[in-house]
N, C-alpha and C. Protein backbone atom coordinates (compact mmCIF):
# COMPACT_ATOMS: atom_id res chain seq x y z
N MET A 1 44.37 -16.72 32.19
CA MET A 1 43.59 -16.36 31.02
C MET A 1 43.08 -17.64 30.36
N ALA A 2 41.77 -17.68 30.13
CA ALA A 2 41.17 -18.88 29.54
C ALA A 2 41.35 -18.84 28.03
N ILE A 3 41.59 -20.00 27.49
CA ILE A 3 41.73 -20.13 26.04
C ILE A 3 40.43 -20.69 25.51
N ALA A 4 39.88 -20.06 24.48
CA ALA A 4 38.63 -20.52 23.87
C ALA A 4 38.87 -21.85 23.19
N ASP A 5 37.84 -22.69 23.23
CA ASP A 5 38.01 -23.98 22.56
C ASP A 5 37.97 -23.78 21.04
N LYS A 6 38.45 -24.77 20.32
CA LYS A 6 38.59 -24.68 18.87
C LYS A 6 37.27 -24.42 18.17
N SER A 7 36.15 -25.00 18.66
CA SER A 7 34.87 -24.83 17.98
C SER A 7 34.41 -23.37 17.99
N SER A 8 34.63 -22.65 19.09
CA SER A 8 34.21 -21.26 19.12
C SER A 8 35.09 -20.41 18.20
N ILE A 9 36.37 -20.75 18.08
CA ILE A 9 37.27 -20.04 17.17
C ILE A 9 36.82 -20.30 15.73
N ASP A 10 36.46 -21.53 15.41
CA ASP A 10 35.99 -21.86 14.07
C ASP A 10 34.73 -21.07 13.73
N ILE A 11 33.80 -20.95 14.69
CA ILE A 11 32.55 -20.23 14.44
C ILE A 11 32.84 -18.75 14.16
N VAL A 12 33.68 -18.14 14.97
CA VAL A 12 34.02 -16.73 14.78
C VAL A 12 34.72 -16.55 13.44
N THR A 13 35.66 -17.40 13.13
CA THR A 13 36.38 -17.31 11.86
C THR A 13 35.41 -17.46 10.70
N THR A 14 34.50 -18.41 10.80
CA THR A 14 33.52 -18.64 9.74
C THR A 14 32.62 -17.41 9.57
N LEU A 15 32.14 -16.84 10.69
CA LEU A 15 31.28 -15.66 10.61
C LEU A 15 32.01 -14.49 9.98
N VAL A 16 33.24 -14.26 10.37
CA VAL A 16 34.02 -13.17 9.80
C VAL A 16 34.25 -13.42 8.31
N TYR A 17 34.58 -14.65 7.95
CA TYR A 17 34.81 -15.01 6.55
C TYR A 17 33.56 -14.75 5.72
N HIS A 18 32.39 -15.25 6.21
CA HIS A 18 31.13 -15.06 5.48
C HIS A 18 30.78 -13.59 5.39
N SER A 19 31.01 -12.84 6.44
CA SER A 19 30.73 -11.42 6.44
C SER A 19 31.57 -10.71 5.38
N CYS A 20 32.84 -11.09 5.27
CA CYS A 20 33.73 -10.48 4.27
C CYS A 20 33.28 -10.85 2.86
N ILE A 21 32.88 -12.11 2.65
CA ILE A 21 32.42 -12.55 1.33
C ILE A 21 31.16 -11.79 0.95
N ILE A 22 30.19 -11.68 1.86
CA ILE A 22 28.94 -10.98 1.58
C ILE A 22 29.22 -9.51 1.26
N THR A 23 30.10 -8.88 2.03
CA THR A 23 30.43 -7.48 1.79
C THR A 23 31.09 -7.29 0.43
N GLN A 24 31.91 -8.25 0.03
CA GLN A 24 32.54 -8.14 -1.28
C GLN A 24 31.53 -8.31 -2.41
N LEU A 25 30.56 -9.19 -2.21
CA LEU A 25 29.54 -9.41 -3.23
C LEU A 25 28.53 -8.26 -3.28
N ASN A 26 28.20 -7.72 -2.13
CA ASN A 26 27.23 -6.63 -2.02
C ASN A 26 27.83 -5.49 -1.22
N PRO A 27 28.72 -4.71 -1.83
CA PRO A 27 29.32 -3.62 -1.07
C PRO A 27 28.25 -2.64 -0.57
N MET A 28 28.44 -2.13 0.63
CA MET A 28 27.47 -1.23 1.23
C MET A 28 27.73 0.20 0.77
N ALA A 29 26.67 0.94 0.55
CA ALA A 29 26.76 2.35 0.16
C ALA A 29 26.22 3.20 1.31
N THR A 30 26.66 4.42 1.37
CA THR A 30 26.20 5.35 2.40
C THR A 30 25.27 6.37 1.78
N ILE A 31 24.17 6.64 2.47
CA ILE A 31 23.20 7.64 2.02
C ILE A 31 23.07 8.66 3.14
N GLN A 32 23.10 9.93 2.78
CA GLN A 32 22.83 10.99 3.74
C GLN A 32 21.49 11.59 3.40
N VAL A 33 20.67 11.78 4.42
CA VAL A 33 19.33 12.32 4.22
C VAL A 33 19.18 13.58 5.06
N ARG A 34 18.71 14.64 4.45
CA ARG A 34 18.42 15.87 5.19
C ARG A 34 16.91 15.95 5.36
N ILE A 35 16.49 16.16 6.61
CA ILE A 35 15.06 16.22 6.92
C ILE A 35 14.88 17.22 8.06
N ASP A 36 13.74 17.88 8.09
CA ASP A 36 13.51 18.83 9.17
C ASP A 36 13.39 18.08 10.50
N GLU A 37 13.78 18.74 11.57
CA GLU A 37 13.85 18.12 12.90
C GLU A 37 12.50 17.60 13.38
N LYS A 38 11.43 18.34 13.10
CA LYS A 38 10.09 17.93 13.54
C LYS A 38 9.70 16.58 12.92
N THR A 39 9.92 16.44 11.62
CA THR A 39 9.59 15.18 10.93
C THR A 39 10.45 14.04 11.47
N LYS A 40 11.73 14.31 11.69
CA LYS A 40 12.63 13.28 12.22
C LYS A 40 12.15 12.81 13.59
N ARG A 41 11.83 13.74 14.49
CA ARG A 41 11.37 13.36 15.84
C ARG A 41 10.08 12.57 15.77
N SER A 42 9.15 13.03 14.93
CA SER A 42 7.86 12.35 14.80
C SER A 42 8.05 10.92 14.28
N ALA A 43 8.88 10.77 13.24
CA ALA A 43 9.15 9.44 12.68
C ALA A 43 9.85 8.55 13.69
N LYS A 44 10.79 9.11 14.45
CA LYS A 44 11.53 8.33 15.45
C LYS A 44 10.58 7.78 16.51
N LYS A 45 9.60 8.57 16.93
CA LYS A 45 8.63 8.10 17.92
C LYS A 45 7.87 6.88 17.40
N VAL A 46 7.44 6.97 16.14
CA VAL A 46 6.70 5.85 15.52
C VAL A 46 7.62 4.63 15.42
N LEU A 47 8.84 4.84 14.93
CA LEU A 47 9.78 3.73 14.75
C LEU A 47 10.14 3.09 16.08
N ASP A 48 10.30 3.89 17.13
CA ASP A 48 10.57 3.34 18.46
C ASP A 48 9.44 2.42 18.90
N ARG A 49 8.20 2.84 18.63
CA ARG A 49 7.04 2.02 19.02
C ARG A 49 7.03 0.67 18.31
N VAL A 50 7.49 0.63 17.06
CA VAL A 50 7.47 -0.63 16.31
C VAL A 50 8.80 -1.37 16.36
N GLY A 51 9.77 -0.82 17.12
CA GLY A 51 11.03 -1.51 17.33
C GLY A 51 12.04 -1.40 16.20
N LEU A 52 11.99 -0.32 15.44
CA LEU A 52 12.95 -0.11 14.36
C LEU A 52 13.78 1.14 14.62
N ASP A 53 15.05 1.09 14.27
CA ASP A 53 15.84 2.32 14.29
C ASP A 53 15.71 2.98 12.92
N MET A 54 16.15 4.22 12.84
CA MET A 54 15.99 5.00 11.60
C MET A 54 16.68 4.32 10.42
N SER A 55 17.89 3.84 10.63
CA SER A 55 18.66 3.21 9.55
C SER A 55 17.94 1.97 9.01
N SER A 56 17.44 1.14 9.91
CA SER A 56 16.73 -0.08 9.48
C SER A 56 15.45 0.27 8.74
N ALA A 57 14.74 1.31 9.19
CA ALA A 57 13.51 1.72 8.53
C ALA A 57 13.79 2.21 7.11
N ILE A 58 14.86 2.96 6.95
CA ILE A 58 15.20 3.46 5.61
C ILE A 58 15.63 2.31 4.71
N LYS A 59 16.39 1.35 5.26
CA LYS A 59 16.78 0.16 4.48
C LYS A 59 15.53 -0.60 4.04
N LEU A 60 14.59 -0.78 4.96
CA LEU A 60 13.34 -1.47 4.66
C LEU A 60 12.57 -0.75 3.55
N TYR A 61 12.49 0.57 3.65
CA TYR A 61 11.81 1.38 2.65
C TYR A 61 12.46 1.20 1.28
N LEU A 62 13.78 1.30 1.21
CA LEU A 62 14.48 1.18 -0.07
C LEU A 62 14.35 -0.23 -0.65
N LYS A 63 14.41 -1.26 0.21
CA LYS A 63 14.22 -2.64 -0.27
C LYS A 63 12.83 -2.81 -0.87
N GLN A 64 11.80 -2.24 -0.21
CA GLN A 64 10.43 -2.37 -0.71
C GLN A 64 10.26 -1.64 -2.04
N ILE A 65 10.91 -0.51 -2.21
CA ILE A 65 10.87 0.19 -3.50
C ILE A 65 11.43 -0.72 -4.59
N SER A 66 12.54 -1.38 -4.29
CA SER A 66 13.16 -2.29 -5.27
C SER A 66 12.26 -3.47 -5.58
N ILE A 67 11.69 -4.07 -4.55
CA ILE A 67 10.83 -5.24 -4.73
C ILE A 67 9.57 -4.88 -5.52
N ARG A 68 8.93 -3.78 -5.16
CA ARG A 68 7.66 -3.39 -5.79
C ARG A 68 7.83 -2.59 -7.07
N LYS A 69 9.06 -2.19 -7.35
CA LYS A 69 9.33 -1.36 -8.53
C LYS A 69 8.52 -0.06 -8.49
N GLY A 70 8.36 0.48 -7.30
CA GLY A 70 7.61 1.72 -7.08
C GLY A 70 7.52 1.98 -5.59
N LEU A 71 6.81 3.03 -5.23
CA LEU A 71 6.65 3.34 -3.81
C LEU A 71 5.79 2.29 -3.12
N PRO A 72 6.14 1.92 -1.89
CA PRO A 72 5.39 0.88 -1.19
C PRO A 72 4.16 1.39 -0.44
N PHE A 73 3.63 2.51 -0.87
CA PHE A 73 2.44 3.06 -0.23
C PHE A 73 1.76 4.01 -1.22
N THR A 74 0.53 4.38 -0.91
CA THR A 74 -0.20 5.33 -1.73
C THR A 74 0.19 6.74 -1.31
N VAL A 75 0.58 7.54 -2.26
CA VAL A 75 0.96 8.93 -1.98
C VAL A 75 -0.32 9.74 -1.83
N LEU A 76 -0.41 10.52 -0.74
CA LEU A 76 -1.56 11.37 -0.50
C LEU A 76 -1.12 12.83 -0.46
N THR A 77 -2.00 13.70 -0.91
CA THR A 77 -1.72 15.13 -0.84
C THR A 77 -2.00 15.60 0.59
N GLU A 78 -1.75 16.87 0.85
CA GLU A 78 -2.01 17.41 2.18
C GLU A 78 -3.50 17.39 2.52
N ASN A 79 -4.35 17.20 1.50
CA ASN A 79 -5.80 17.10 1.72
C ASN A 79 -6.25 15.66 1.98
N GLY A 80 -5.32 14.72 2.00
CA GLY A 80 -5.66 13.33 2.25
C GLY A 80 -6.19 12.59 1.04
N LEU A 81 -5.99 13.16 -0.14
CA LEU A 81 -6.46 12.55 -1.39
C LEU A 81 -5.26 12.09 -2.22
N THR A 82 -5.50 11.16 -3.11
CA THR A 82 -4.44 10.82 -4.05
C THR A 82 -4.32 11.97 -5.06
N PRO A 83 -3.19 12.13 -5.70
CA PRO A 83 -3.08 13.17 -6.72
C PRO A 83 -4.14 13.04 -7.81
N GLU A 84 -4.50 11.81 -8.18
CA GLU A 84 -5.53 11.58 -9.20
C GLU A 84 -6.90 12.08 -8.71
N GLU A 85 -7.23 11.79 -7.45
CA GLU A 85 -8.52 12.24 -6.90
C GLU A 85 -8.58 13.77 -6.86
N GLU A 86 -7.47 14.37 -6.44
CA GLU A 86 -7.42 15.83 -6.38
C GLU A 86 -7.56 16.45 -7.77
N GLU A 87 -6.89 15.84 -8.75
CA GLU A 87 -6.97 16.31 -10.13
C GLU A 87 -8.41 16.21 -10.65
N GLU A 88 -9.11 15.13 -10.32
CA GLU A 88 -10.50 14.92 -10.74
C GLU A 88 -11.41 16.00 -10.14
N ILE A 89 -11.21 16.31 -8.88
CA ILE A 89 -12.01 17.35 -8.23
C ILE A 89 -11.78 18.70 -8.91
N LEU A 90 -10.54 19.02 -9.19
CA LEU A 90 -10.22 20.30 -9.84
C LEU A 90 -10.80 20.35 -11.26
N ARG A 91 -10.76 19.21 -11.96
CA ARG A 91 -11.33 19.14 -13.31
C ARG A 91 -12.84 19.38 -13.26
N ARG A 92 -13.51 18.73 -12.32
CA ARG A 92 -14.96 18.88 -12.20
C ARG A 92 -15.35 20.29 -11.75
N GLU A 93 -14.50 20.88 -10.92
CA GLU A 93 -14.76 22.26 -10.50
C GLU A 93 -14.69 23.19 -11.71
N ALA A 94 -13.69 22.99 -12.55
CA ALA A 94 -13.54 23.82 -13.76
C ALA A 94 -14.74 23.61 -14.69
N GLU A 95 -15.21 22.35 -14.81
CA GLU A 95 -16.40 22.07 -15.63
C GLU A 95 -17.61 22.81 -15.08
N ALA A 96 -17.78 22.75 -13.77
CA ALA A 96 -18.94 23.40 -13.15
C ALA A 96 -18.91 24.91 -13.39
N GLU A 97 -17.73 25.49 -13.25
CA GLU A 97 -17.60 26.93 -13.49
C GLU A 97 -17.89 27.29 -14.95
N ALA A 98 -17.61 26.35 -15.86
CA ALA A 98 -17.86 26.57 -17.29
C ALA A 98 -19.29 26.18 -17.67
N GLY A 99 -20.07 25.68 -16.71
CA GLY A 99 -21.45 25.31 -16.98
C GLY A 99 -21.60 23.93 -17.60
N ILE A 100 -20.56 23.11 -17.55
CA ILE A 100 -20.59 21.76 -18.11
C ILE A 100 -20.99 20.78 -17.02
N ASN A 101 -21.89 19.82 -17.36
CA ASN A 101 -22.35 18.80 -16.40
C ASN A 101 -22.95 19.41 -15.14
N VAL A 102 -23.72 20.45 -15.32
CA VAL A 102 -24.35 21.14 -14.19
C VAL A 102 -25.85 20.98 -14.29
N SER A 103 -26.48 20.61 -13.18
CA SER A 103 -27.95 20.50 -13.14
C SER A 103 -28.54 21.90 -12.97
N PRO A 104 -29.73 22.09 -13.49
CA PRO A 104 -30.36 23.40 -13.28
C PRO A 104 -30.68 23.60 -11.79
N ALA A 105 -30.79 24.86 -11.40
CA ALA A 105 -31.11 25.17 -10.00
C ALA A 105 -32.48 24.60 -9.64
N MET A 106 -32.62 24.11 -8.40
CA MET A 106 -33.89 23.53 -7.94
C MET A 106 -34.25 24.14 -6.60
N ASP A 107 -35.55 24.21 -6.34
CA ASP A 107 -35.95 24.60 -4.99
C ASP A 107 -35.89 23.34 -4.12
N ALA A 108 -36.17 23.46 -2.85
CA ALA A 108 -36.03 22.35 -1.90
C ALA A 108 -36.89 21.15 -2.28
N ASP A 109 -38.15 21.39 -2.66
CA ASP A 109 -39.06 20.29 -3.01
C ASP A 109 -38.56 19.54 -4.25
N GLU A 110 -38.11 20.30 -5.26
CA GLU A 110 -37.58 19.68 -6.48
C GLU A 110 -36.33 18.84 -6.16
N ALA A 111 -35.49 19.36 -5.29
CA ALA A 111 -34.26 18.64 -4.92
C ALA A 111 -34.60 17.32 -4.22
N ILE A 112 -35.58 17.35 -3.32
CA ILE A 112 -35.99 16.14 -2.60
C ILE A 112 -36.55 15.12 -3.58
N GLU A 113 -37.40 15.55 -4.50
CA GLU A 113 -37.96 14.64 -5.50
C GLU A 113 -36.85 14.05 -6.38
N TYR A 114 -35.90 14.89 -6.75
CA TYR A 114 -34.77 14.43 -7.58
C TYR A 114 -33.98 13.36 -6.83
N LEU A 115 -33.70 13.58 -5.57
CA LEU A 115 -32.93 12.62 -4.77
C LEU A 115 -33.70 11.33 -4.55
N LYS A 116 -35.00 11.38 -4.43
CA LYS A 116 -35.81 10.18 -4.26
C LYS A 116 -35.72 9.27 -5.48
N LYS A 117 -35.53 9.88 -6.66
CA LYS A 117 -35.46 9.11 -7.89
C LYS A 117 -34.11 8.39 -8.05
N LEU A 118 -33.11 8.82 -7.32
CA LEU A 118 -31.79 8.20 -7.46
C LEU A 118 -31.78 6.86 -6.86
């Protein structure tokens, strides 16, 4: 049986010591996440392509939230719009239904002339 030289023992001891110190300073917490299977599989495919496992991706996400003091991306609705954009569209739709900010009806020639002036 070969005996490791002193330098390799020192390195292992040092790494274990530093690991224990870091863990004591920053104790690790466990998070459980429930997600539908389809979303998990889809995300795993993307993460595999970029070389991340699920745990590392979630750690990265949480670190970015802390650094940015908010979400690290723009939230989009199912229509591909930001909530503000969607709210604006709904507001303008309500205005149009109420007759606010509405142009009078035009025939095709009037519409073409109107557009040429823009």
